[in-house]
PDB file of all heavy atoms in Angstrom:
ATOM      1  N   SER A   1       0.821  -1.215   0.004  1.00  0.00           N
ATOM      2  CA  SER A   1      -0.001  -0.002  -0.005  1.00  0.00           C
ATOM      3  C   SER A   1       0.859   1.256   0.000  1.00  0.00           C
ATOM      4  O   SER A   1       0.325   2.364  -0.085  1.00  0.00           O
ATOM      5  CB  SER A   1      -0.930   0.013   1.211  1.00  0.00           C
ATOM      6  OG  SER A   1      -0.172   0.199   2.394  1.00  0.00           O
ATOM      7  N   ALA A   2       2.170   1.087   0.106  1.00  0.00           N
ATOM      8  CA  ALA A   2       3.112   2.217   0.177  1.00  0.00           C
ATOM      9  C   ALA A   2       2.830   3.111   1.378  1.00  0.00           C
ATOM     10  O   ALA A   2       3.134   4.284   1.373  1.00  0.00           O
ATOM     11  CB  ALA A   2       3.102   3.020  -1.134  1.00  0.00           C
ATOM     12  N   GLU A   3       2.201   2.533   2.396  1.00  0.00           N
ATOM     13  CA  GLU A   3       1.947   3.263   3.642  1.00  0.00           C
ATOM     14  C   GLU A   3       2.633   2.502   4.767  1.00  0.00           C
ATOM     15  O   GLU A   3       2.158   1.449   5.200  1.00  0.00           O
ATOM     16  CB  GLU A   3       0.457   3.353   3.932  1.00  0.00           C
ATOM     17  CG  GLU A   3      -0.303   4.189   2.930  1.00  0.00           C
ATOM     18  CD  GLU A   3      -1.776   4.283   3.277  1.00  0.00           C
ATOM     19  OE1 GLU A   3      -2.126   4.208   4.476  1.00  0.00           O
ATOM     20  OE2 GLU A   3      -2.568   4.432   2.339  1.00  0.00           O
ATOM     21  N   PRO A   4       3.792   2.995   5.247  1.00  0.00           N
ATOM     22  CA  PRO A   4       4.484   2.266   6.312  1.00  0.00           C
ATOM     23  C   PRO A   4       3.627   2.160   7.563  1.00  0.00           C
ATOM     24  O   PRO A   4       2.727   2.966   7.813  1.00  0.00           O
ATOM     25  CB  PRO A   4       5.740   3.111   6.553  1.00  0.00           C
ATOM     26  CG  PRO A   4       5.516   4.397   5.874  1.00  0.00           C
ATOM     27  CD  PRO A   4       4.419   4.239   4.877  1.00  0.00           C
ATOM     28  N   LEU A   5       3.908   1.118   8.345  1.00  0.00           N
ATOM     29  CA  LEU A   5       3.196   0.971   9.618  1.00  0.00           C
ATOM     30  C   LEU A   5       3.492   2.180  10.485  1.00  0.00           C
ATOM     31  O   LEU A   5       4.651   2.578  10.595  1.00  0.00           O
ATOM     32  CB  LEU A   5       3.643  -0.299  10.337  1.00  0.00           C
ATOM     33  CG  LEU A   5       3.204  -1.614   9.721  1.00  0.00           C
ATOM     34  CD1 LEU A   5       3.909  -2.787  10.408  1.00  0.00           C
ATOM     35  CD2 LEU A   5       1.707  -1.776   9.844  1.00  0.00           C
ATOM     36  N   PRO A   6       2.480   2.762  11.088  1.00  0.00           N
ATOM     37  CA  PRO A   6       2.719   3.888  12.001  1.00  0.00           C
ATOM     38  C   PRO A   6       3.629   3.430  13.151  1.00  0.00           C
ATOM     39  O   PRO A   6       3.612   2.262  13.541  1.00  0.00           O
ATOM     40  CB  PRO A   6       1.328   4.248  12.516  1.00  0.00           C
ATOM     41  CG  PRO A   6       0.383   3.677  11.519  1.00  0.00           C
ATOM     42  CD  PRO A   6       1.050   2.455  10.945  1.00  0.00           C
ATOM     43  N   PRO A   7       4.440   4.324  13.687  1.00  0.00           N
ATOM     44  CA  PRO A   7       5.391   3.949  14.739  1.00  0.00           C
ATOM     45  C   PRO A   7       4.761   3.226  15.930  1.00  0.00           C
ATOM     46  O   PRO A   7       5.335   2.266  16.446  1.00  0.00           O
ATOM     47  CB  PRO A   7       5.998   5.287  15.177  1.00  0.00           C
ATOM     48  CG  PRO A   7       5.793   6.205  14.016  1.00  0.00           C
ATOM     49  CD  PRO A   7       4.536   5.732  13.336  1.00  0.00           C
ATOM     50  N   GLU A   8       3.557   3.627  16.332  1.00  0.00           N
ATOM     51  CA  GLU A   8       2.929   2.969  17.495  1.00  0.00           C
ATOM     52  C   GLU A   8       2.523   1.533  17.149  1.00  0.00           C
ATOM     53  O   GLU A   8       2.577   0.639  17.990  1.00  0.00           O
ATOM     54  CB  GLU A   8       1.748   3.775  18.022  1.00  0.00           C
ATOM     55  CG  GLU A   8       0.551   3.891  17.103  1.00  0.00           C
ATOM     56  CD  GLU A   8       0.647   4.987  16.038  1.00  0.00           C
ATOM     57  OE1 GLU A   8       1.698   5.665  15.938  1.00  0.00           O
ATOM     58  OE2 GLU A   8      -0.341   5.169  15.303  1.00  0.00           O
ATOM     59  N   ARG A   9       2.125   1.273  15.913  1.00  0.00           N
ATOM     60  CA  ARG A   9       1.775  -0.092  15.515  1.00  0.00           C
ATOM     61  C   ARG A   9       3.030  -0.946  15.367  1.00  0.00           C
ATOM     62  O   ARG A   9       3.049  -2.110  15.748  1.00  0.00           O
ATOM     63  CB  ARG A   9       0.985  -0.081  14.213  1.00  0.00           C
ATOM     64  CG  ARG A   9      -0.400   0.483  14.414  1.00  0.00           C
ATOM     65  CD  ARG A   9      -1.237   0.381  13.194  1.00  0.00           C
ATOM     66  NE  ARG A   9      -2.538   0.998  13.463  1.00  0.00           N
ATOM     67  CZ  ARG A   9      -3.522   1.045  12.590  1.00  0.00           C
ATOM     68  NH1 ARG A   9      -3.370   0.516  11.400  1.00  0.00           N
ATOM     69  NH2 ARG A   9      -4.636   1.629  12.912  1.00  0.00           N
ATOM     70  N   ARG A  10       4.089  -0.375  14.805  1.00  0.00           N
ATOM     71  CA  ARG A  10       5.365  -1.095  14.709  1.00  0.00           C
ATOM     72  C   ARG A  10       5.864  -1.454  16.101  1.00  0.00           C
ATOM     73  O   ARG A  10       6.314  -2.563  16.344  1.00  0.00           O
ATOM     74  CB  ARG A  10       6.373  -0.216  13.959  1.00  0.00           C
ATOM     75  CG  ARG A  10       7.748  -0.774  13.844  1.00  0.00           C
ATOM     76  CD  ARG A  10       7.862  -1.763  12.701  1.00  0.00           C
ATOM     77  NE  ARG A  10       7.738  -3.106  13.215  1.00  0.00           N
ATOM     78  CZ  ARG A  10       7.520  -4.180  12.474  1.00  0.00           C
ATOM     79  NH1 ARG A  10       7.377  -4.071  11.181  1.00  0.00           N
ATOM     80  NH2 ARG A  10       7.427  -5.371  12.996  1.00  0.00           N
ATOM     81  N   ALA A  11       5.744  -0.504  17.035  1.00  0.00           N
ATOM     82  CA  ALA A  11       6.188  -0.748  18.422  1.00  0.00           C
ATOM     83  C   ALA A  11       5.362  -1.856  19.071  1.00  0.00           C
ATOM     84  O   ALA A  11       5.896  -2.710  19.794  1.00  0.00           O
ATOM     85  CB  ALA A  11       6.117   0.534  19.237  1.00  0.00           C
ATOM     86  N   ALA A  12       4.045  -1.867  18.795  1.00  0.00           N
ATOM     87  CA  ALA A  12       3.189  -2.912  19.364  1.00  0.00           C
ATOM     88  C   ALA A  12       3.561  -4.276  18.822  1.00  0.00           C
ATOM     89  O   ALA A  12       3.647  -5.265  19.578  1.00  0.00           O
ATOM     90  CB  ALA A  12       1.730  -2.596  19.088  1.00  0.00           C
ATOM     91  N   LEU A  13       3.821  -4.382  17.508  1.00  0.00           N
ATOM     92  CA  LEU A  13       4.222  -5.669  16.922  1.00  0.00           C
ATOM     93  C   LEU A  13       5.578  -6.110  17.437  1.00  0.00           C
ATOM     94  O   LEU A  13       5.805  -7.299  17.689  1.00  0.00           O
ATOM     95  CB  LEU A  13       4.250  -5.567  15.394  1.00  0.00           C
ATOM     96  CG  LEU A  13       2.876  -5.463  14.730  1.00  0.00           C
ATOM     97  CD1 LEU A  13       3.048  -5.248  13.217  1.00  0.00           C
ATOM     98  CD2 LEU A  13       2.045  -6.690  14.999  1.00  0.00           C
ATOM     99  N   ASP A  14       6.501  -5.160  17.612  1.00  0.00           N
ATOM    100  CA  ASP A  14       7.818  -5.497  18.159  1.00  0.00           C
ATOM    101  C   ASP A  14       7.692  -6.000  19.589  1.00  0.00           C
ATOM    102  O   ASP A  14       8.353  -6.978  19.976  1.00  0.00           O
ATOM    103  CB  ASP A  14       8.750  -4.300  18.103  1.00  0.00           C
ATOM    104  CG  ASP A  14       9.143  -3.926  16.680  1.00  0.00           C
ATOM    105  OD1 ASP A  14       8.936  -4.768  15.766  1.00  0.00           O
ATOM    106  OD2 ASP A  14       9.640  -2.793  16.482  1.00  0.00           O
ATOM    107  N   ALA A  15       6.836  -5.378  20.387  1.00  0.00           N
ATOM    108  CA  ALA A  15       6.613  -5.817  21.768  1.00  0.00           C
ATOM    109  C   ALA A  15       6.005  -7.224  21.794  1.00  0.00           C
ATOM    110  O   ALA A  15       6.408  -8.064  22.584  1.00  0.00           O
ATOM    111  CB  ALA A  15       5.714  -4.834  22.509  1.00  0.00           C
ATOM    112  N   LEU A  16       5.042  -7.473  20.903  1.00  0.00           N
ATOM    113  CA  LEU A  16       4.453  -8.807  20.818  1.00  0.00           C
ATOM    114  C   LEU A  16       5.513  -9.832  20.425  1.00  0.00           C
ATOM    115  O   LEU A  16       5.577 -10.928  20.994  1.00  0.00           O
ATOM    116  CB  LEU A  16       3.292  -8.825  19.831  1.00  0.00           C
ATOM    117  CG  LEU A  16       2.596 -10.172  19.639  1.00  0.00           C
ATOM    118  CD1 LEU A  16       1.982 -10.657  20.933  1.00  0.00           C
ATOM    119  CD2 LEU A  16       1.560 -10.075  18.527  1.00  0.00           C
ATOM    120  N   GLY A  17       6.368  -9.486  19.480  1.00  0.00           N
ATOM    121  CA  GLY A  17       7.440 -10.383  19.062  1.00  0.00           C
ATOM    122  C   GLY A  17       8.390 -10.720  20.206  1.00  0.00           C
ATOM    123  O   GLY A  17       8.784 -11.872  20.367  1.00  0.00           O
ATOM    124  N   ARG A  18       8.734  -9.728  21.018  1.00  0.00           N
ATOM    125  CA  ARG A  18       9.591  -9.980  22.177  1.00  0.00           C
ATOM    126  C   ARG A  18       8.904 -10.890  23.176  1.00  0.00           C
ATOM    127  O   ARG A  18       9.520 -11.785  23.747  1.00  0.00           O
ATOM    128  CB  ARG A  18      10.006  -8.661  22.849  1.00  0.00           C
ATOM    129  CG  ARG A  18      11.040  -7.880  22.050  1.00  0.00           C
ATOM    130  CD  ARG A  18      11.593  -6.709  22.832  1.00  0.00           C
ATOM    131  NE  ARG A  18      10.570  -5.761  23.287  1.00  0.00           N
ATOM    132  CZ  ARG A  18      10.082  -4.780  22.550  1.00  0.00           C
ATOM    133  NH1 ARG A  18      10.510  -4.592  21.305  1.00  0.00           N
ATOM    134  NH2 ARG A  18       9.180  -3.962  23.042  1.00  0.00           N
ATOM    135  N   LEU A  19       7.618 -10.678  23.384  1.00  0.00           N
ATOM    136  CA  LEU A  19       6.853 -11.516  24.312  1.00  0.00           C
ATOM    137  C   LEU A  19       6.816 -12.959  23.825  1.00  0.00           C
ATOM    138  O   LEU A  19       7.100 -13.904  24.558  1.00  0.00           O
ATOM    139  CB  LEU A  19       5.444 -10.973  24.481  1.00  0.00           C
ATOM    140  CG  LEU A  19       4.502 -11.799  25.340  1.00  0.00           C
ATOM    141  CD1 LEU A  19       4.911 -11.687  26.800  1.00  0.00           C
ATOM    142  CD2 LEU A  19       3.083 -11.354  25.141  1.00  0.00           C
ATOM    143  N   LEU A  20       6.533 -13.149  22.540  1.00  0.00           N
ATOM    144  CA  LEU A  20       6.395 -14.492  21.988  1.00  0.00           C
ATOM    145  C   LEU A  20       7.742 -15.212  21.894  1.00  0.00           C
ATOM    146  O   LEU A  20       7.771 -16.439  21.809  1.00  0.00           O
ATOM    147  CB  LEU A  20       5.738 -14.443  20.618  1.00  0.00           C
ATOM    148  CG  LEU A  20       4.298 -13.942  20.605  1.00  0.00           C
ATOM    149  CD1 LEU A  20       3.791 -13.836  19.178  1.00  0.00           C
ATOM    150  CD2 LEU A  20       3.407 -14.817  21.455  1.00  0.00           C
ATOM    151  N   ALA A  21       8.838 -14.463  21.927  1.00  0.00           N
ATOM    152  CA  ALA A  21      10.160 -15.075  21.869  1.00  0.00           C
ATOM    153  C   ALA A  21      10.615 -15.616  23.224  1.00  0.00           C
ATOM    154  O   ALA A  21      11.631 -16.293  23.307  1.00  0.00           O
ATOM    155  CB  ALA A  21      11.183 -14.058  21.353  1.00  0.00           C
ATOM    156  N   ARG A  22       9.858 -15.352  24.282  1.00  0.00           N
ATOM    157  CA  ARG A  22      10.251 -15.822  25.605  1.00  0.00           C
ATOM    158  C   ARG A  22      10.190 -17.345  25.646  1.00  0.00           C
ATOM    159  O   ARG A  22       9.144 -17.939  25.356  1.00  0.00           O
ATOM    160  CB  ARG A  22       9.348 -15.203  26.672  1.00  0.00           C
ATOM    161  CG  ARG A  22       9.560 -13.698  26.820  1.00  0.00           C
ATOM    162  CD  ARG A  22       8.568 -13.011  27.682  1.00  0.00           C
ATOM    163  NE  ARG A  22       8.343 -13.683  28.947  1.00  0.00           N
ATOM    164  CZ  ARG A  22       7.406 -13.315  29.819  1.00  0.00           C
ATOM    165  NH1 ARG A  22       6.631 -12.290  29.547  1.00  0.00           N
ATOM    166  NH2 ARG A  22       7.262 -13.967  30.947  1.00  0.00           N
ATOM    167  N   PRO A  23      11.303 -17.990  25.985  1.00  0.00           N
ATOM    168  CA  PRO A  23      11.356 -19.466  25.971  1.00  0.00           C
ATOM    169  C   PRO A  23      10.306 -20.144  26.846  1.00  0.00           C
ATOM    170  O   PRO A  23       9.805 -21.198  26.511  1.00  0.00           O
ATOM    171  CB  PRO A  23      12.766 -19.780  26.477  1.00  0.00           C
ATOM    172  CG  PRO A  23      13.534 -18.530  26.374  1.00  0.00           C
ATOM    173  CD  PRO A  23      12.565 -17.385  26.391  1.00  0.00           C
ATOM    174  N   GLU A  24       9.949 -19.523  27.955  1.00  0.00           N
ATOM    175  CA  GLU A  24       8.985 -20.159  28.860  1.00  0.00           C
ATOM    176  C   GLU A  24       7.568 -20.182  28.291  1.00  0.00           C
ATOM    177  O   GLU A  24       6.691 -20.874  28.811  1.00  0.00           O
ATOM    178  CB  GLU A  24       8.999 -19.488  30.236  1.00  0.00           C
ATOM    179  CG  GLU A  24       8.497 -18.047  30.271  1.00  0.00           C
ATOM    180  CD  GLU A  24       9.553 -16.990  30.030  1.00  0.00           C
ATOM    181  OE1 GLU A  24      10.629 -17.318  29.488  1.00  0.00           O
ATOM    182  OE2 GLU A  24       9.302 -15.836  30.397  1.00  0.00           O
ATOM    183  N   LEU A  25       7.327 -19.451  27.226  1.00  0.00           N
ATOM    184  CA  LEU A  25       6.003 -19.433  26.604  1.00  0.00           C
ATOM    185  C   LEU A  25       5.938 -20.348  25.373  1.00  0.00           C
ATOM    186  O   LEU A  25       4.892 -20.503  24.769  1.00  0.00           O
ATOM    187  CB  LEU A  25       5.626 -18.017  26.188  1.00  0.00           C
ATOM    188  CG  LEU A  25       5.510 -16.998  27.320  1.00  0.00           C
ATOM    189  CD1 LEU A  25       5.184 -15.629  26.759  1.00  0.00           C
ATOM    190  CD2 LEU A  25       4.479 -17.434  28.337  1.00  0.00           C
ATOM    191  N   ARG A  26       7.048 -20.965  25.025  1.00  0.00           N
ATOM    192  CA  ARG A  26       7.137 -21.730  23.787  1.00  0.00           C
ATOM    193  C   ARG A  26       6.945 -23.222  24.054  1.00  0.00           C
ATOM    194  O   ARG A  26       7.438 -23.768  25.017  1.00  0.00           O
ATOM    195  CB  ARG A  26       8.497 -21.498  23.165  1.00  0.00           C
ATOM    196  CG  ARG A  26       8.650 -22.134  21.823  1.00  0.00           C
ATOM    197  CD  ARG A  26       9.884 -21.638  21.161  1.00  0.00           C
ATOM    198  NE  ARG A  26       9.677 -20.212  20.879  1.00  0.00           N
ATOM    199  CZ  ARG A  26      10.284 -19.548  19.931  1.00  0.00           C
ATOM    200  NH1 ARG A  26      11.161 -20.152  19.181  1.00  0.00           N
ATOM    201  NH2 ARG A  26      10.032 -18.293  19.722  1.00  0.00           N
ATOM    202  N   VAL A  27       6.222 -23.859  23.171  1.00  0.00           N
ATOM    203  CA  VAL A  27       6.063 -25.312  23.171  1.00  0.00           C
ATOM    204  C   VAL A  27       6.528 -25.785  21.799  1.00  0.00           C
ATOM    205  O   VAL A  27       6.134 -25.222  20.765  1.00  0.00           O
ATOM    206  CB  VAL A  27       4.596 -25.740  23.407  1.00  0.00           C
ATOM    207  CG1 VAL A  27       4.431 -27.224  23.241  1.00  0.00           C
ATOM    208  CG2 VAL A  27       4.139 -25.273  24.767  1.00  0.00           C
ATOM    209  N   THR A  28       7.358 -26.811  21.755  1.00  0.00           N
ATOM    210  CA  THR A  28       7.856 -27.341  20.499  1.00  0.00           C
ATOM    211  C   THR A  28       7.281 -28.733  20.272  1.00  0.00           C
ATOM    212  O   THR A  28       7.290 -29.570  21.171  1.00  0.00           O
ATOM    213  CB  THR A  28       9.395 -27.419  20.512  1.00  0.00           C
ATOM    214  OG1 THR A  28       9.912 -26.105  20.726  1.00  0.00           O
ATOM    215  CG2 THR A  28       9.927 -27.971  19.214  1.00  0.00           C
ATOM    216  N   ALA A  29       6.774 -28.951  19.079  1.00  0.00           N
ATOM    217  CA  ALA A  29       6.250 -30.264  18.699  1.00  0.00           C
ATOM    218  C   ALA A  29       7.012 -30.722  17.463  1.00  0.00           C
ATOM    219  O   ALA A  29       6.969 -30.056  16.422  1.00  0.00           O
ATOM    220  CB  ALA A  29       4.752 -30.167  18.396  1.00  0.00           C
ATOM    221  N   LEU A  30       7.731 -31.814  17.585  1.00  0.00           N
ATOM    222  CA  LEU A  30       8.443 -32.381  16.450  1.00  0.00           C
ATOM    223  C   LEU A  30       7.532 -33.383  15.771  1.00  0.00           C
ATOM    224  O   LEU A  30       7.123 -34.372  16.380  1.00  0.00           O
ATOM    225  CB  LEU A  30       9.728 -33.059  16.919  1.00  0.00           C
ATOM    226  CG  LEU A  30      10.743 -32.144  17.620  1.00  0.00           C
ATOM    227  CD1 LEU A  30      11.922 -32.931  18.140  1.00  0.00           C
ATOM    228  CD2 LEU A  30      11.186 -31.042  16.667  1.00  0.00           C
ATOM    229  N   LEU A  31       7.168 -33.096  14.546  1.00  0.00           N
ATOM    230  CA  LEU A  31       6.234 -33.960  13.823  1.00  0.00           C
ATOM    231  C   LEU A  31       6.995 -34.981  12.998  1.00  0.00           C
ATOM    232  O   LEU A  31       7.999 -34.675  12.368  1.00  0.00           O
ATOM    233  CB  LEU A  31       5.334 -33.130  12.914  1.00  0.00           C
ATOM    234  CG  LEU A  31       4.488 -32.071  13.616  1.00  0.00           C
ATOM    235  CD1 LEU A  31       3.676 -31.297  12.619  1.00  0.00           C
ATOM    236  CD2 LEU A  31       3.602 -32.695  14.675  1.00  0.00           C
ATOM    237  N   GLU A  32       6.501 -36.199  13.025  1.00  0.00           N
ATOM    238  CA  GLU A  32       7.093 -37.302  12.253  1.00  0.00           C
ATOM    239  C   GLU A  32       6.134 -37.676  11.127  1.00  0.00           C
ATOM    240  O   GLU A  32       4.988 -37.230  11.104  1.00  0.00           O
ATOM    241  CB  GLU A  32       7.278 -38.505  13.191  1.00  0.00           C
ATOM    242  CG  GLU A  32       8.030 -38.201  14.456  1.00  0.00           C
ATOM    243  CD  GLU A  32       9.522 -38.517  14.363  1.00  0.00           C
ATOM    244  OE1 GLU A  32       9.880 -39.310  13.480  1.00  0.00           O
ATOM    245  OE2 GLU A  32      10.286 -37.943  15.154  1.00  0.00           O
ATOM    246  N   ASP A  33       6.589 -38.515  10.208  1.00  0.00           N
ATOM    247  CA  ASP A  33       5.724 -38.992   9.132  1.00  0.00           C
ATOM    248  C   ASP A  33       4.406 -39.507   9.706  1.00  0.00           C
ATOM    249  O   ASP A  33       4.412 -40.290  10.647  1.00  0.00           O
ATOM    250  CB  ASP A  33       6.384 -40.121   8.346  1.00  0.00           C
ATOM    251  CG  ASP A  33       7.475 -39.615   7.411  1.00  0.00           C
ATOM    252  OD1 ASP A  33       7.518 -38.405   7.167  1.00  0.00           O
ATOM    253  OD2 ASP A  33       8.258 -40.450   6.933  1.00  0.00           O
ATOM    254  N   GLY A  34       3.294 -39.062   9.138  1.00  0.00           N
ATOM    255  CA  GLY A  34       1.995 -39.541   9.553  1.00  0.00           C
ATOM    256  C   GLY A  34       1.386 -38.787  10.735  1.00  0.00           C
ATOM    257  O   GLY A  34       0.237 -39.029  11.073  1.00  0.00           O
ATOM    258  N   ASP A  35       2.143 -37.891  11.372  1.00  0.00           N
ATOM    259  CA  ASP A  35       1.601 -37.129  12.502  1.00  0.00           C
ATOM    260  C   ASP A  35       0.577 -36.114  12.029  1.00  0.00           C
ATOM    261  O   ASP A  35       0.640 -35.614  10.904  1.00  0.00           O
ATOM    262  CB  ASP A  35       2.722 -36.395  13.242  1.00  0.00           C
ATOM    263  CG  ASP A  35       3.559 -37.302  14.093  1.00  0.00           C
ATOM    264  OD1 ASP A  35       3.189 -38.488  14.245  1.00  0.00           O
ATOM    265  OD2 ASP A  35       4.587 -36.844  14.617  1.00  0.00           O
TER     266      ASP A  35
END
């Protein structure tokens, strides 16, 4: 759209990204054939 994200929206997405990167909030599932 040639309209950059407003700074407050970029900051909100960056904050969400930092939150989601916290290891204690992450669950990993290793999928095998047929899973």
